[in-house]
């Protein structure tokens, strides 16, 4: 989704649309509460998950996960590094519907490359 490009966060074509909307772009900010919004082009089965992978230097905090527009009691956990959060969806995600959640991101000490 072109409306919200954040340096270093790549948006994959398998999502119909997606956006990362940060609150704070300052280096070393640990209070950057970002909204993640997305749509899928085909329905996703219940008990599926979504991996959020931040660029090098960023830290994702799964304990700050807050569903905004998700079906059922979605949860999150740390992935294999501090750059990863896995969001689990206990219910089916319908195609062409906007979903959203919030996470706190620890920003890197320097600005990353622009995403393309």
PDB file of N, CA and C in Angstrom:
ATOM      1  N   UNK A   1       0.864  -1.168   0.000  1.00  0.00           N
ATOM      2  CA  UNK A   1       0.000   0.000   0.000  1.00  0.00           C
ATOM      3  C   UNK A   1       0.905   1.223   0.000  1.00  0.00           C
ATOM      4  N   UNK A   2       0.765   2.063  -0.974  1.00  0.00           N
ATOM      5  CA  UNK A   2       1.661   3.191  -1.119  1.00  0.00           C
ATOM      6  C   UNK A   2       1.438   4.293  -0.101  1.00  0.00           C
ATOM      7  N   UNK A   3       0.302   4.307   0.575  1.00  0.00           N
ATOM      8  CA  UNK A   3      -0.013   5.420   1.467  1.00  0.00           C
ATOM      9  C   UNK A   3       0.876   5.477   2.706  1.00  0.00           C
ATOM     10  N   UNK A   4       1.490   4.368   3.085  1.00  0.00           N
ATOM     11  CA  UNK A   4       2.294   4.374   4.307  1.00  0.00           C
ATOM     12  C   UNK A   4       3.546   3.538   4.112  1.00  0.00           C
ATOM     13  N   UNK A   5       4.608   4.186   3.690  1.00  0.00           N
ATOM     14  CA  UNK A   5       5.883   3.493   3.508  1.00  0.00           C
ATOM     15  C   UNK A   5       6.785   3.846   4.663  1.00  0.00           C
ATOM     16  N   UNK A   6       7.357   2.835   5.273  1.00  0.00           N
ATOM     17  CA  UNK A   6       8.258   3.039   6.395  1.00  0.00           C
ATOM     18  C   UNK A   6       9.611   2.482   6.000  1.00  0.00           C
ATOM     19  N   UNK A   7      10.650   3.244   6.208  1.00  0.00           N
ATOM     20  CA  UNK A   7      11.992   2.809   5.836  1.00  0.00           C
ATOM     21  C   UNK A   7      12.302   1.437   6.409  1.00  0.00           C
ATOM     22  N   UNK A   8      12.741   0.536   5.539  1.00  0.00           N
ATOM     23  CA  UNK A   8      13.180  -0.777   5.974  1.00  0.00           C
ATOM     24  C   UNK A   8      12.120  -1.849   6.054  1.00  0.00           C
ATOM     25  N   UNK A   9      10.843  -1.517   6.135  1.00  0.00           N
ATOM     26  CA  UNK A   9       9.780  -2.521   6.206  1.00  0.00           C
ATOM     27  C   UNK A   9       9.313  -2.838   4.791  1.00  0.00           C
ATOM     28  N   UNK A  10       9.599  -4.047   4.314  1.00  0.00           N
ATOM     29  CA  UNK A  10       9.157  -4.451   2.985  1.00  0.00           C
ATOM     30  C   UNK A  10       7.730  -4.971   3.061  1.00  0.00           C
ATOM     31  N   UNK A  11       6.944  -4.654   2.054  1.00  0.00           N
ATOM     32  CA  UNK A  11       5.559  -5.104   1.966  1.00  0.00           C
ATOM     33  C   UNK A  11       5.494  -6.154   0.864  1.00  0.00           C
ATOM     34  N   UNK A  12       5.047  -7.363   1.177  1.00  0.00           N
ATOM     35  CA  UNK A  12       5.041  -8.445   0.212  1.00  0.00           C
ATOM     36  C   UNK A  12       3.772  -8.451  -0.622  1.00  0.00           C
ATOM     37  N   UNK A  13       3.921  -8.824  -1.894  1.00  0.00           N
ATOM     38  CA  UNK A  13       2.812  -8.794  -2.850  1.00  0.00           C
ATOM     39  C   UNK A  13       1.704  -9.779  -2.516  1.00  0.00           C
ATOM     40  N   UNK A  14       1.939 -10.779  -1.678  1.00  0.00           N
ATOM     41  CA  UNK A  14       0.903 -11.756  -1.349  1.00  0.00           C
ATOM     42  C   UNK A  14      -0.235 -11.141  -0.531  1.00  0.00           C
ATOM     43  N   UNK A  15       0.019 -10.000   0.071  1.00  0.00           N
ATOM     44  CA  UNK A  15      -1.046  -9.279   0.756  1.00  0.00           C
ATOM     45  C   UNK A  15      -1.716  -8.354  -0.252  1.00  0.00           C
ATOM     46  N   UNK A  16      -3.023  -8.278  -0.224  1.00  0.00           N
ATOM     47  CA  UNK A  16      -3.728  -7.407  -1.158  1.00  0.00           C
ATOM     48  C   UNK A  16      -3.346  -5.969  -0.914  1.00  0.00           C
ATOM     49  N   UNK A  17      -3.291  -5.574   0.336  1.00  0.00           N
ATOM     50  CA  UNK A  17      -2.797  -4.248   0.710  1.00  0.00           C
ATOM     51  C   UNK A  17      -2.265  -4.352   2.127  1.00  0.00           C
ATOM     52  N   UNK A  18      -1.341  -3.489   2.458  1.00  0.00           N
ATOM     53  CA  UNK A  18      -0.795  -3.493   3.804  1.00  0.00           C
ATOM     54  C   UNK A  18      -0.158  -2.147   4.087  1.00  0.00           C
ATOM     55  N   UNK A  19      -0.019  -1.850   5.361  1.00  0.00           N
ATOM     56  CA  UNK A  19       0.578  -0.582   5.755  1.00  0.00           C
ATOM     57  C   UNK A  19       1.137  -0.703   7.163  1.00  0.00           C
ATOM     58  N   UNK A  20       2.219  -0.006   7.400  1.00  0.00           N
ATOM     59  CA  UNK A  20       2.758   0.165   8.736  1.00  0.00           C
ATOM     60  C   UNK A  20       2.704   1.658   9.003  1.00  0.00           C
ATOM     61  N   UNK A  21       1.971   2.051  10.024  1.00  0.00           N
ATOM     62  CA  UNK A  21       1.773   3.472  10.317  1.00  0.00           C
ATOM     63  C   UNK A  21       2.430   3.786  11.654  1.00  0.00           C
ATOM     64  N   UNK A  22       3.658   4.321  11.615  1.00  0.00           N
ATOM     65  CA  UNK A  22       4.366   4.585  12.866  1.00  0.00           C
ATOM     66  C   UNK A  22       3.921   5.880  13.523  1.00  0.00           C
ATOM     67  N   UNK A  23       4.078   5.931  14.822  1.00  0.00           N
ATOM     68  CA  UNK A  23       3.777   7.152  15.561  1.00  0.00           C
ATOM     69  C   UNK A  23       5.023   8.026  15.683  1.00  0.00           C
ATOM     70  N   UNK A  24       6.204   7.391  15.758  1.00  0.00           N
ATOM     71  CA  UNK A  24       7.451   8.101  16.026  1.00  0.00           C
ATOM     72  C   UNK A  24       8.556   7.548  15.141  1.00  0.00           C
ATOM     73  N   UNK A  25       9.186   8.396  14.334  1.00  0.00           N
ATOM     74  CA  UNK A  25      10.254   7.958  13.449  1.00  0.00           C
ATOM     75  C   UNK A  25      11.642   8.300  13.988  1.00  0.00           C
ATOM     76  N   UNK A  26      11.729   8.833  15.189  1.00  0.00           N
ATOM     77  CA  UNK A  26      13.012   9.242  15.755  1.00  0.00           C
ATOM     78  C   UNK A  26      13.889   8.031  16.061  1.00  0.00           C
ATOM     79  N   UNK A  27      15.180   8.166  15.779  1.00  0.00           N
ATOM     80  CA  UNK A  27      16.128   7.106  16.109  1.00  0.00           C
ATOM     81  C   UNK A  27      16.116   6.873  17.619  1.00  0.00           C
ATOM     82  N   UNK A  28      16.297   5.628  18.000  1.00  0.00           N
ATOM     83  CA  UNK A  28      16.335   5.199  19.397  1.00  0.00           C
ATOM     84  C   UNK A  28      15.037   5.401  20.171  1.00  0.00           C
ATOM     85  N   UNK A  29      13.924   5.616  19.484  1.00  0.00           N
ATOM     86  CA  UNK A  29      12.647   5.754  20.171  1.00  0.00           C
ATOM     87  C   UNK A  29      12.171   4.376  20.609  1.00  0.00           C
ATOM     88  N   UNK A  30      11.802   4.239  21.872  1.00  0.00           N
ATOM     89  CA  UNK A  30      11.282   2.973  22.375  1.00  0.00           C
ATOM     90  C   UNK A  30       9.798   3.072  22.675  1.00  0.00           C
ATOM     91  N   UNK A  31       9.177   4.148  22.254  1.00  0.00           N
ATOM     92  CA  UNK A  31       7.738   4.320  22.473  1.00  0.00           C
ATOM     93  C   UNK A  31       7.028   4.519  21.145  1.00  0.00           C
ATOM     94  N   UNK A  32       7.497   3.825  20.120  1.00  0.00           N
ATOM     95  CA  UNK A  32       6.904   3.924  18.802  1.00  0.00           C
ATOM     96  C   UNK A  32       5.777   2.903  18.694  1.00  0.00           C
ATOM     97  N   UNK A  33       4.557   3.348  18.937  1.00  0.00           N
ATOM     98  CA  UNK A  33       3.385   2.484  18.853  1.00  0.00           C
ATOM     99  C   UNK A  33       2.896   2.510  17.409  1.00  0.00           C
ATOM    100  N   UNK A  34       3.136   1.439  16.669  1.00  0.00           N
ATOM    101  CA  UNK A  34       2.795   1.403  15.246  1.00  0.00           C
ATOM    102  C   UNK A  34       1.536   0.586  15.010  1.00  0.00           C
ATOM    103  N   UNK A  35       0.741   1.041  14.054  1.00  0.00           N
ATOM    104  CA  UNK A  35      -0.431   0.296  13.611  1.00  0.00           C
ATOM    105  C   UNK A  35      -0.056  -0.486  12.360  1.00  0.00           C
ATOM    106  N   UNK A  36      -0.432  -1.746  12.320  1.00  0.00           N
ATOM    107  CA  UNK A  36      -0.214  -2.601  11.165  1.00  0.00           C
ATOM    108  C   UNK A  36      -1.588  -2.899  10.582  1.00  0.00           C
ATOM    109  N   UNK A  37      -1.780  -2.563   9.320  1.00  0.00           N
ATOM    110  CA  UNK A  37      -3.070  -2.773   8.653  1.00  0.00           C
ATOM    111  C   UNK A  37      -2.838  -3.634   7.415  1.00  0.00           C
ATOM    112  N   UNK A  38      -3.786  -4.532   7.135  1.00  0.00           N
ATOM    113  CA  UNK A  38      -3.627  -5.375   5.960  1.00  0.00           C
ATOM    114  C   UNK A  38      -4.969  -5.938   5.500  1.00  0.00           C
ATOM    115  N   UNK A  39      -4.997  -6.356   4.229  1.00  0.00           N
ATOM    116  CA  UNK A  39      -6.096  -7.109   3.628  1.00  0.00           C
ATOM    117  C   UNK A  39      -5.468  -8.296   2.925  1.00  0.00           C
ATOM    118  N   UNK A  40      -6.196  -9.382   2.838  1.00  0.00           N
ATOM    119  CA  UNK A  40      -5.729 -10.540   2.077  1.00  0.00           C
ATOM    120  C   UNK A  40      -6.619 -10.713   0.852  1.00  0.00           C
ATOM    121  N   UNK A  41      -6.043 -11.239  -0.231  1.00  0.00           N
ATOM    122  CA  UNK A  41      -6.820 -11.392  -1.464  1.00  0.00           C
ATOM    123  C   UNK A  41      -7.583 -12.715  -1.512  1.00  0.00           C
ATOM    124  N   UNK A  42      -7.267 -13.639  -0.607  1.00  0.00           N
ATOM    125  CA  UNK A  42      -8.004 -14.903  -0.482  1.00  0.00           C
ATOM    126  C   UNK A  42      -8.193 -15.171   1.007  1.00  0.00           C
ATOM    127  N   UNK A  43      -9.268 -15.833   1.363  1.00  0.00           N
ATOM    128  CA  UNK A  43      -9.522 -16.143   2.774  1.00  0.00           C
ATOM    129  C   UNK A  43      -8.386 -16.982   3.353  1.00  0.00           C
ATOM    130  N   UNK A  44      -8.092 -16.757   4.621  1.00  0.00           N
ATOM    131  CA  UNK A  44      -7.036 -17.475   5.329  1.00  0.00           C
ATOM    132  C   UNK A  44      -7.700 -18.345   6.397  1.00  0.00           C
ATOM    133  N   UNK A  45      -7.312 -19.598   6.459  1.00  0.00           N
ATOM    134  CA  UNK A  45      -7.922 -20.554   7.384  1.00  0.00           C
ATOM    135  C   UNK A  45      -7.706 -20.166   8.847  1.00  0.00           C
ATOM    136  N   UNK A  46      -8.627 -20.610   9.693  1.00  0.00           N
ATOM    137  CA  UNK A  46      -8.488 -20.417  11.141  1.00  0.00           C
ATOM    138  C   UNK A  46      -7.199 -21.075  11.618  1.00  0.00           C
ATOM    139  N   UNK A  47      -6.670 -20.565  12.718  1.00  0.00           N
ATOM    140  CA  UNK A  47      -5.436 -21.064  13.324  1.00  0.00           C
ATOM    141  C   UNK A  47      -4.207 -20.845  12.442  1.00  0.00           C
ATOM    142  N   UNK A  48      -4.248 -19.795  11.646  1.00  0.00           N
ATOM    143  CA  UNK A  48      -3.095 -19.403  10.835  1.00  0.00           C
ATOM    144  C   UNK A  48      -2.306 -18.346  11.589  1.00  0.00           C
ATOM    145  N   UNK A  49      -1.138 -18.030  11.079  1.00  0.00           N
ATOM    146  CA  UNK A  49      -0.323 -17.011  11.734  1.00  0.00           C
ATOM    147  C   UNK A  49       0.318 -16.093  10.703  1.00  0.00           C
ATOM    148  N   UNK A  50       0.761 -14.945  11.179  1.00  0.00           N
ATOM    149  CA  UNK A  50       1.402 -13.930  10.359  1.00  0.00           C
ATOM    150  C   UNK A  50       2.720 -13.578  11.024  1.00  0.00           C
ATOM    151  N   UNK A  51       3.791 -13.616  10.262  1.00  0.00           N
ATOM    152  CA  UNK A  51       5.105 -13.249  10.783  1.00  0.00           C
ATOM    153  C   UNK A  51       5.377 -11.790  10.453  1.00  0.00           C
ATOM    154  N   UNK A  52       5.657 -10.998  11.467  1.00  0.00           N
ATOM    155  CA  UNK A  52       6.090  -9.617  11.275  1.00  0.00           C
ATOM    156  C   UNK A  52       7.593  -9.626  11.507  1.00  0.00           C
ATOM    157  N   UNK A  53       8.357  -9.278  10.484  1.00  0.00           N
ATOM    158  CA  UNK A  53       9.812  -9.282  10.568  1.00  0.00           C
ATOM    159  C   UNK A  53      10.303  -7.862  10.348  1.00  0.00           C
ATOM    160  N   UNK A  54      10.892  -7.300  11.372  1.00  0.00           N
ATOM    161  CA  UNK A  54      11.410  -5.939  11.295  1.00  0.00           C
ATOM    162  C   UNK A  54      12.809  -5.957  10.691  1.00  0.00           C
ATOM    163  N   UNK A  55      13.214  -4.882  10.059  1.00  0.00           N
ATOM    164  CA  UNK A  55      14.572  -4.789   9.529  1.00  0.00           C
ATOM    165  C   UNK A  55      15.601  -4.789  10.660  1.00  0.00           C
ATOM    166  N   UNK A  56      16.829  -5.071  10.317  1.00  0.00           N
ATOM    167  CA  UNK A  56      17.924  -5.058  11.287  1.00  0.00           C
ATOM    168  C   UNK A  56      17.947  -3.732  12.039  1.00  0.00           C
ATOM    169  N   UNK A  57      18.082  -3.811  13.340  1.00  0.00           N
ATOM    170  CA  UNK A  57      18.132  -2.608  14.175  1.00  0.00           C
ATOM    171  C   UNK A  57      16.842  -2.312  14.901  1.00  0.00           C
ATOM    172  N   UNK A  58      15.715  -2.775  14.352  1.00  0.00           N
ATOM    173  CA  UNK A  58      14.425  -2.583  14.997  1.00  0.00           C
ATOM    174  C   UNK A  58      14.178  -3.712  15.993  1.00  0.00           C
ATOM    175  N   UNK A  59      13.382  -3.450  17.015  1.00  0.00           N
ATOM    176  CA  UNK A  59      12.976  -4.475  17.985  1.00  0.00           C
ATOM    177  C   UNK A  59      11.455  -4.449  18.062  1.00  0.00           C
ATOM    178  N   UNK A  60      10.835  -5.627  18.008  1.00  0.00           N
ATOM    179  CA  UNK A  60       9.379  -5.740  18.139  1.00  0.00           C
ATOM    180  C   UNK A  60       9.053  -6.337  19.501  1.00  0.00           C
ATOM    181  N   UNK A  61       8.034  -5.799  20.156  1.00  0.00           N
ATOM    182  CA  UNK A  61       7.665  -6.209  21.504  1.00  0.00           C
ATOM    183  C   UNK A  61       6.291  -6.882  21.494  1.00  0.00           C
ATOM    184  N   UNK A  62       6.237  -8.238  21.470  1.00  0.00           N
ATOM    185  CA  UNK A  62       4.949  -8.928  21.415  1.00  0.00           C
ATOM    186  C   UNK A  62       4.070  -8.683  22.638  1.00  0.00           C
ATOM    187  N   UNK A  63       4.669  -8.340  23.761  1.00  0.00           N
ATOM    188  CA  UNK A  63       3.860  -8.082  24.964  1.00  0.00           C
ATOM    189  C   UNK A  63       2.992  -6.838  24.810  1.00  0.00           C
ATOM    190  N   UNK A  64       3.286  -6.006  23.813  1.00  0.00           N
ATOM    191  CA  UNK A  64       2.497  -4.786  23.585  1.00  0.00           C
ATOM    192  C   UNK A  64       1.453  -4.981  22.486  1.00  0.00           C
ATOM    193  N   UNK A  65       1.311  -6.203  21.973  1.00  0.00           N
ATOM    194  CA  UNK A  65       0.350  -6.499  20.908  1.00  0.00           C
ATOM    195  C   UNK A  65      -1.060  -6.135  21.341  1.00  0.00           C
ATOM    196  N   UNK A  66      -1.757  -5.386  20.500  1.00  0.00           N
ATOM    197  CA  UNK A  66      -3.152  -5.014  20.760  1.00  0.00           C
ATOM    198  C   UNK A  66      -3.966  -5.204  19.484  1.00  0.00           C
ATOM    199  N   UNK A  67      -4.921  -6.151  19.491  1.00  0.00           N
ATOM    200  CA  UNK A  67      -5.800  -6.277  18.326  1.00  0.00           C
ATOM    201  C   UNK A  67      -6.624  -5.004  18.170  1.00  0.00           C
ATOM    202  N   UNK A  68      -6.762  -4.546  16.958  1.00  0.00           N
ATOM    203  CA  UNK A  68      -7.588  -3.372  16.664  1.00  0.00           C
ATOM    204  C   UNK A  68      -8.806  -3.824  15.865  1.00  0.00           C
ATOM    205  N   UNK A  69      -8.557  -4.570  14.802  1.00  0.00           N
ATOM    206  CA  UNK A  69      -9.637  -5.095  13.964  1.00  0.00           C
ATOM    207  C   UNK A  69      -9.234  -6.503  13.519  1.00  0.00           C
ATOM    208  N   UNK A  70      -9.408  -7.455  14.426  1.00  0.00           N
ATOM    209  CA  UNK A  70      -9.077  -8.856  14.157  1.00  0.00           C
ATOM    210  C   UNK A  70     -10.211  -9.733  14.683  1.00  0.00           C
ATOM    211  N   UNK A  71     -10.452 -10.875  14.021  1.00  0.00           N
ATOM    212  CA  UNK A  71     -11.509 -11.762  14.509  1.00  0.00           C
ATOM    213  C   UNK A  71     -11.042 -12.561  15.724  1.00  0.00           C
ATOM    214  N   UNK A  72     -11.851 -12.599  16.736  1.00  0.00           N
ATOM    215  CA  UNK A  72     -11.548 -13.413  17.905  1.00  0.00           C
ATOM    216  C   UNK A  72     -10.360 -12.918  18.714  1.00  0.00           C
ATOM    217  N   UNK A  73      -9.951 -13.723  19.673  1.00  0.00           N
ATOM    218  CA  UNK A  73      -8.867 -13.326  20.577  1.00  0.00           C
ATOM    219  C   UNK A  73      -7.489 -13.630  19.981  1.00  0.00           C
ATOM    220  N   UNK A  74      -7.062 -12.864  18.994  1.00  0.00           N
ATOM    221  CA  UNK A  74      -5.743 -13.054  18.390  1.00  0.00           C
ATOM    222  C   UNK A  74      -4.664 -12.813  19.445  1.00  0.00           C
ATOM    223  N   UNK A  75      -3.572 -13.539  19.318  1.00  0.00           N
ATOM    224  CA  UNK A  75      -2.467 -13.416  20.263  1.00  0.00           C
ATOM    225  C   UNK A  75      -1.156 -13.266  19.501  1.00  0.00           C
ATOM    226  N   UNK A  76      -0.083 -12.958  20.239  1.00  0.00           N
ATOM    227  CA  UNK A  76       1.223 -12.863  19.600  1.00  0.00           C
ATOM    228  C   UNK A  76       2.291 -13.443  20.509  1.00  0.00           C
ATOM    229  N   UNK A  77       3.428 -13.779  19.910  1.00  0.00           N
ATOM    230  CA  UNK A  77       4.577 -14.263  20.661  1.00  0.00           C
ATOM    231  C   UNK A  77       5.841 -13.846  19.921  1.00  0.00           C
ATOM    232  N   UNK A  78       6.961 -13.876  20.637  1.00  0.00           N
ATOM    233  CA  UNK A  78       8.243 -13.547  20.030  1.00  0.00           C
ATOM    234  C   UNK A  78       8.615 -14.636  19.046  1.00  0.00           C
ATOM    235  N   UNK A  79       9.213 -14.238  17.938  1.00  0.00           N
ATOM    236  CA  UNK A  79       9.717 -15.208  16.967  1.00  0.00           C
ATOM    237  C   UNK A  79      11.096 -15.682  17.390  1.00  0.00           C
ATOM    238  N   UNK A  80      11.937 -16.005  16.433  1.00  0.00           N
ATOM    239  CA  UNK A  80      13.270 -16.521  16.741  1.00  0.00           C
ATOM    240  C   UNK A  80      14.281 -15.423  17.074  1.00  0.00           C
ATOM    241  N   UNK A  81      13.904 -14.176  16.891  1.00  0.00           N
ATOM    242  CA  UNK A  81      14.785 -13.058  17.254  1.00  0.00           C
ATOM    243  C   UNK A  81      13.932 -11.897  17.745  1.00  0.00           C
ATOM    244  N   UNK A  82      14.573 -10.878  18.273  1.00  0.00           N
ATOM    245  CA  UNK A  82      13.837  -9.694  18.749  1.00  0.00           C
ATOM    246  C   UNK A  82      13.246  -8.897  17.596  1.00  0.00           C
ATOM    247  N   UNK A  83      13.603  -9.238  16.369  1.00  0.00           N
ATOM    248  CA  UNK A  83      13.052  -8.587  15.178  1.00  0.00           C
ATOM    249  C   UNK A  83      11.752  -9.229  14.714  1.00  0.00           C
ATOM    250  N   UNK A  84      11.366 -10.366  15.308  1.00  0.00           N
ATOM    251  CA  UNK A  84      10.207 -11.115  14.843  1.00  0.00           C
ATOM    252  C   UNK A  84       9.094 -11.189  15.877  1.00  0.00           C
ATOM    253  N   UNK A  85       7.876 -11.010  15.391  1.00  0.00           N
ATOM    254  CA  UNK A  85       6.682 -11.282  16.187  1.00  0.00           C
ATOM    255  C   UNK A  85       5.769 -12.137  15.322  1.00  0.00           C
ATOM    256  N   UNK A  86       5.207 -13.166  15.936  1.00  0.00           N
ATOM    257  CA  UNK A  86       4.260 -14.033  15.240  1.00  0.00           C
ATOM    258  C   UNK A  86       2.880 -13.756  15.815  1.00  0.00           C
ATOM    259  N   UNK A  87       1.941 -13.388  14.941  1.00  0.00           N
ATOM    260  CA  UNK A  87       0.563 -13.110  15.335  1.00  0.00           C
ATOM    261  C   UNK A  87      -0.275 -14.316  14.931  1.00  0.00           C
ATOM    262  N   UNK A  88      -1.000 -14.881  15.899  1.00  0.00           N
ATOM    263  CA  UNK A  88      -1.826 -16.066  15.663  1.00  0.00           C
ATOM    264  C   UNK A  88      -3.309 -15.662  15.597  1.00  0.00           C
ATOM    265  N   UNK A  89      -3.981 -16.176  14.582  1.00  0.00           N
ATOM    266  CA  UNK A  89      -5.394 -15.878  14.362  1.00  0.00           C
ATOM    267  C   UNK A  89      -6.226 -17.140  14.586  1.00  0.00           C
ATOM    268  N   UNK A  90      -7.028 -17.213  15.651  1.00  0.00           N
ATOM    269  CA  UNK A  90      -7.813 -18.421  15.908  1.00  0.00           C
ATOM    270  C   UNK A  90      -9.013 -18.570  14.965  1.00  0.00           C
ATOM    271  N   UNK A  91      -9.387 -17.485  14.301  1.00  0.00           N
ATOM    272  CA  UNK A  91     -10.530 -17.527  13.394  1.00  0.00           C
ATOM    273  C   UNK A  91     -10.096 -17.190  11.977  1.00  0.00           C
ATOM    274  N   UNK A  92     -10.916 -17.555  11.041  1.00  0.00           N
ATOM    275  CA  UNK A  92     -10.667 -17.322   9.620  1.00  0.00           C
ATOM    276  C   UNK A  92     -10.571 -15.824   9.314  1.00  0.00           C
ATOM    277  N   UNK A  93      -9.662 -15.462   8.399  1.00  0.00           N
ATOM    278  CA  UNK A  93      -9.567 -14.095   7.892  1.00  0.00           C
ATOM    279  C   UNK A  93     -10.245 -14.065   6.524  1.00  0.00           C
ATOM    280  N   UNK A  94     -11.192 -13.183   6.361  1.00  0.00           N
ATOM    281  CA  UNK A  94     -11.944 -13.083   5.109  1.00  0.00           C
ATOM    282  C   UNK A  94     -11.209 -12.197   4.106  1.00  0.00           C
ATOM    283  N   UNK A  95     -11.347 -12.539   2.851  1.00  0.00           N
ATOM    284  CA  UNK A  95     -10.731 -11.753   1.780  1.00  0.00           C
ATOM    285  C   UNK A  95     -11.362 -10.366   1.693  1.00  0.00           C
ATOM    286  N   UNK A  96     -10.551  -9.401   1.315  1.00  0.00           N
ATOM    287  CA  UNK A  96     -10.982  -8.026   1.023  1.00  0.00           C
ATOM    288  C   UNK A  96     -11.579  -7.286   2.224  1.00  0.00           C
ATOM    289  N   UNK A  97     -11.204  -7.699   3.401  1.00  0.00           N
ATOM    290  CA  UNK A  97     -11.628  -7.013   4.613  1.00  0.00           C
ATOM    291  C   UNK A  97     -10.379  -6.478   5.289  1.00  0.00           C
ATOM    292  N   UNK A  98     -10.447  -5.243   5.821  1.00  0.00           N
ATOM    293  CA  UNK A  98      -9.267  -4.677   6.467  1.00  0.00           C
ATOM    294  C   UNK A  98      -9.129  -5.194   7.896  1.00  0.00           C
ATOM    295  N   UNK A  99      -7.930  -5.625   8.244  1.00  0.00           N
ATOM    296  CA  UNK A  99      -7.587  -6.078   9.586  1.00  0.00           C
ATOM    297  C   UNK A  99      -6.490  -5.175  10.127  1.00  0.00           C
ATOM    298  N   UNK A 100      -6.393  -5.077  11.446  1.00  0.00           N
ATOM    299  CA  UNK A 100      -5.373  -4.202  12.024  1.00  0.00           C
ATOM    300  C   UNK A 100      -4.995  -4.649  13.426  1.00  0.00           C
ATOM    301  N   UNK A 101      -3.747  -4.350  13.796  1.00  0.00           N
ATOM    302  CA  UNK A 101      -3.268  -4.550  15.158  1.00  0.00           C
ATOM    303  C   UNK A 101      -2.172  -3.536  15.432  1.00  0.00           C
ATOM    304  N   UNK A 102      -1.814  -3.408  16.699  1.00  0.00           N
ATOM    305  CA  UNK A 102      -0.761  -2.479  17.118  1.00  0.00           C
ATOM    306  C   UNK A 102       0.353  -3.237  17.823  1.00  0.00           C
ATOM    307  N   UNK A 103       1.563  -2.740  17.634  1.00  0.00           N
ATOM    308  CA  UNK A 103       2.746  -3.244  18.330  1.00  0.00           C
ATOM    309  C   UNK A 103       3.626  -2.056  18.674  1.00  0.00           C
ATOM    310  N   UNK A 104       4.418  -2.194  19.705  1.00  0.00           N
ATOM    311  CA  UNK A 104       5.429  -1.186  19.992  1.00  0.00           C
ATOM    312  C   UNK A 104       6.730  -1.641  19.334  1.00  0.00           C
ATOM    313  N   UNK A 105       7.390  -0.685  18.695  1.00  0.00           N
ATOM    314  CA  UNK A 105       8.634  -0.951  17.974  1.00  0.00           C
ATOM    315  C   UNK A 105       9.737  -0.127  18.603  1.00  0.00           C
ATOM    316  N   UNK A 106      10.872  -0.751  18.866  1.00  0.00           N
ATOM    317  CA  UNK A 106      12.070  -0.028  19.270  1.00  0.00           C
ATOM    318  C   UNK A 106      12.824   0.360  18.012  1.00  0.00           C
ATOM    319  N   UNK A 107      12.997   1.656  17.783  1.00  0.00           N
ATOM    320  CA  UNK A 107      13.659   2.125  16.572  1.00  0.00           C
ATOM    321  C   UNK A 107      15.175   1.932  16.650  1.00  0.00           C
ATOM    322  N   UNK A 108      15.835   1.800  15.491  1.00  0.00           N
ATOM    323  CA  UNK A 108      17.291   1.645  15.469  1.00  0.00           C
ATOM    324  C   UNK A 108      17.997   2.965  15.780  1.00  0.00           C
ATOM    325  N   UNK A 109      19.299   2.868  15.960  1.00  0.00           N
ATOM    326  CA  UNK A 109      20.083   4.067  16.272  1.00  0.00           C
ATOM    327  C   UNK A 109      20.258   4.973  15.065  1.00  0.00           C
ATOM    328  N   UNK A 110      20.153   4.425  13.850  1.00  0.00           N
ATOM    329  CA  UNK A 110      20.251   5.219  12.621  1.00  0.00           C
ATOM    330  C   UNK A 110      19.103   4.857  11.714  1.00  0.00           C
ATOM    331  N   UNK A 111      18.752   5.720  10.799  1.00  0.00           N
ATOM    332  CA  UNK A 111      17.658   5.470   9.871  1.00  0.00           C
ATOM    333  C   UNK A 111      18.066   4.392   8.864  1.00  0.00           C
ATOM    334  N   UNK A 112      17.199   3.393   8.629  1.00  0.00           N
ATOM    335  CA  UNK A 112      17.506   2.344   7.643  1.00  0.00           C
ATOM    336  C   UNK A 112      17.272   2.829   6.233  1.00  0.00           C
ATOM    337  N   UNK A 113      17.584   1.978   5.264  1.00  0.00           N
ATOM    338  CA  UNK A 113      17.374   2.304   3.836  1.00  0.00           C
ATOM    339  C   UNK A 113      15.893   2.500   3.548  1.00  0.00           C
ATOM    340  N   UNK A 114      15.584   3.216   2.480  1.00  0.00           N
ATOM    341  CA  UNK A 114      14.203   3.358   2.023  1.00  0.00           C
ATOM    342  C   UNK A 114      13.730   2.036   1.444  1.00  0.00           C
ATOM    343  N   UNK A 115      12.470   1.650   1.683  1.00  0.00           N
ATOM    344  CA  UNK A 115      11.968   0.444   1.041  1.00  0.00           C
ATOM    345  C   UNK A 115      11.605   0.767  -0.397  1.00  0.00           C
ATOM    346  N   UNK A 116      11.606  -0.259  -1.233  1.00  0.00           N
ATOM    347  CA  UNK A 116      11.384  -0.028  -2.663  1.00  0.00           C
ATOM    348  C   UNK A 116      10.142  -0.728  -3.157  1.00  0.00           C
TER     349      UNK A 116
END
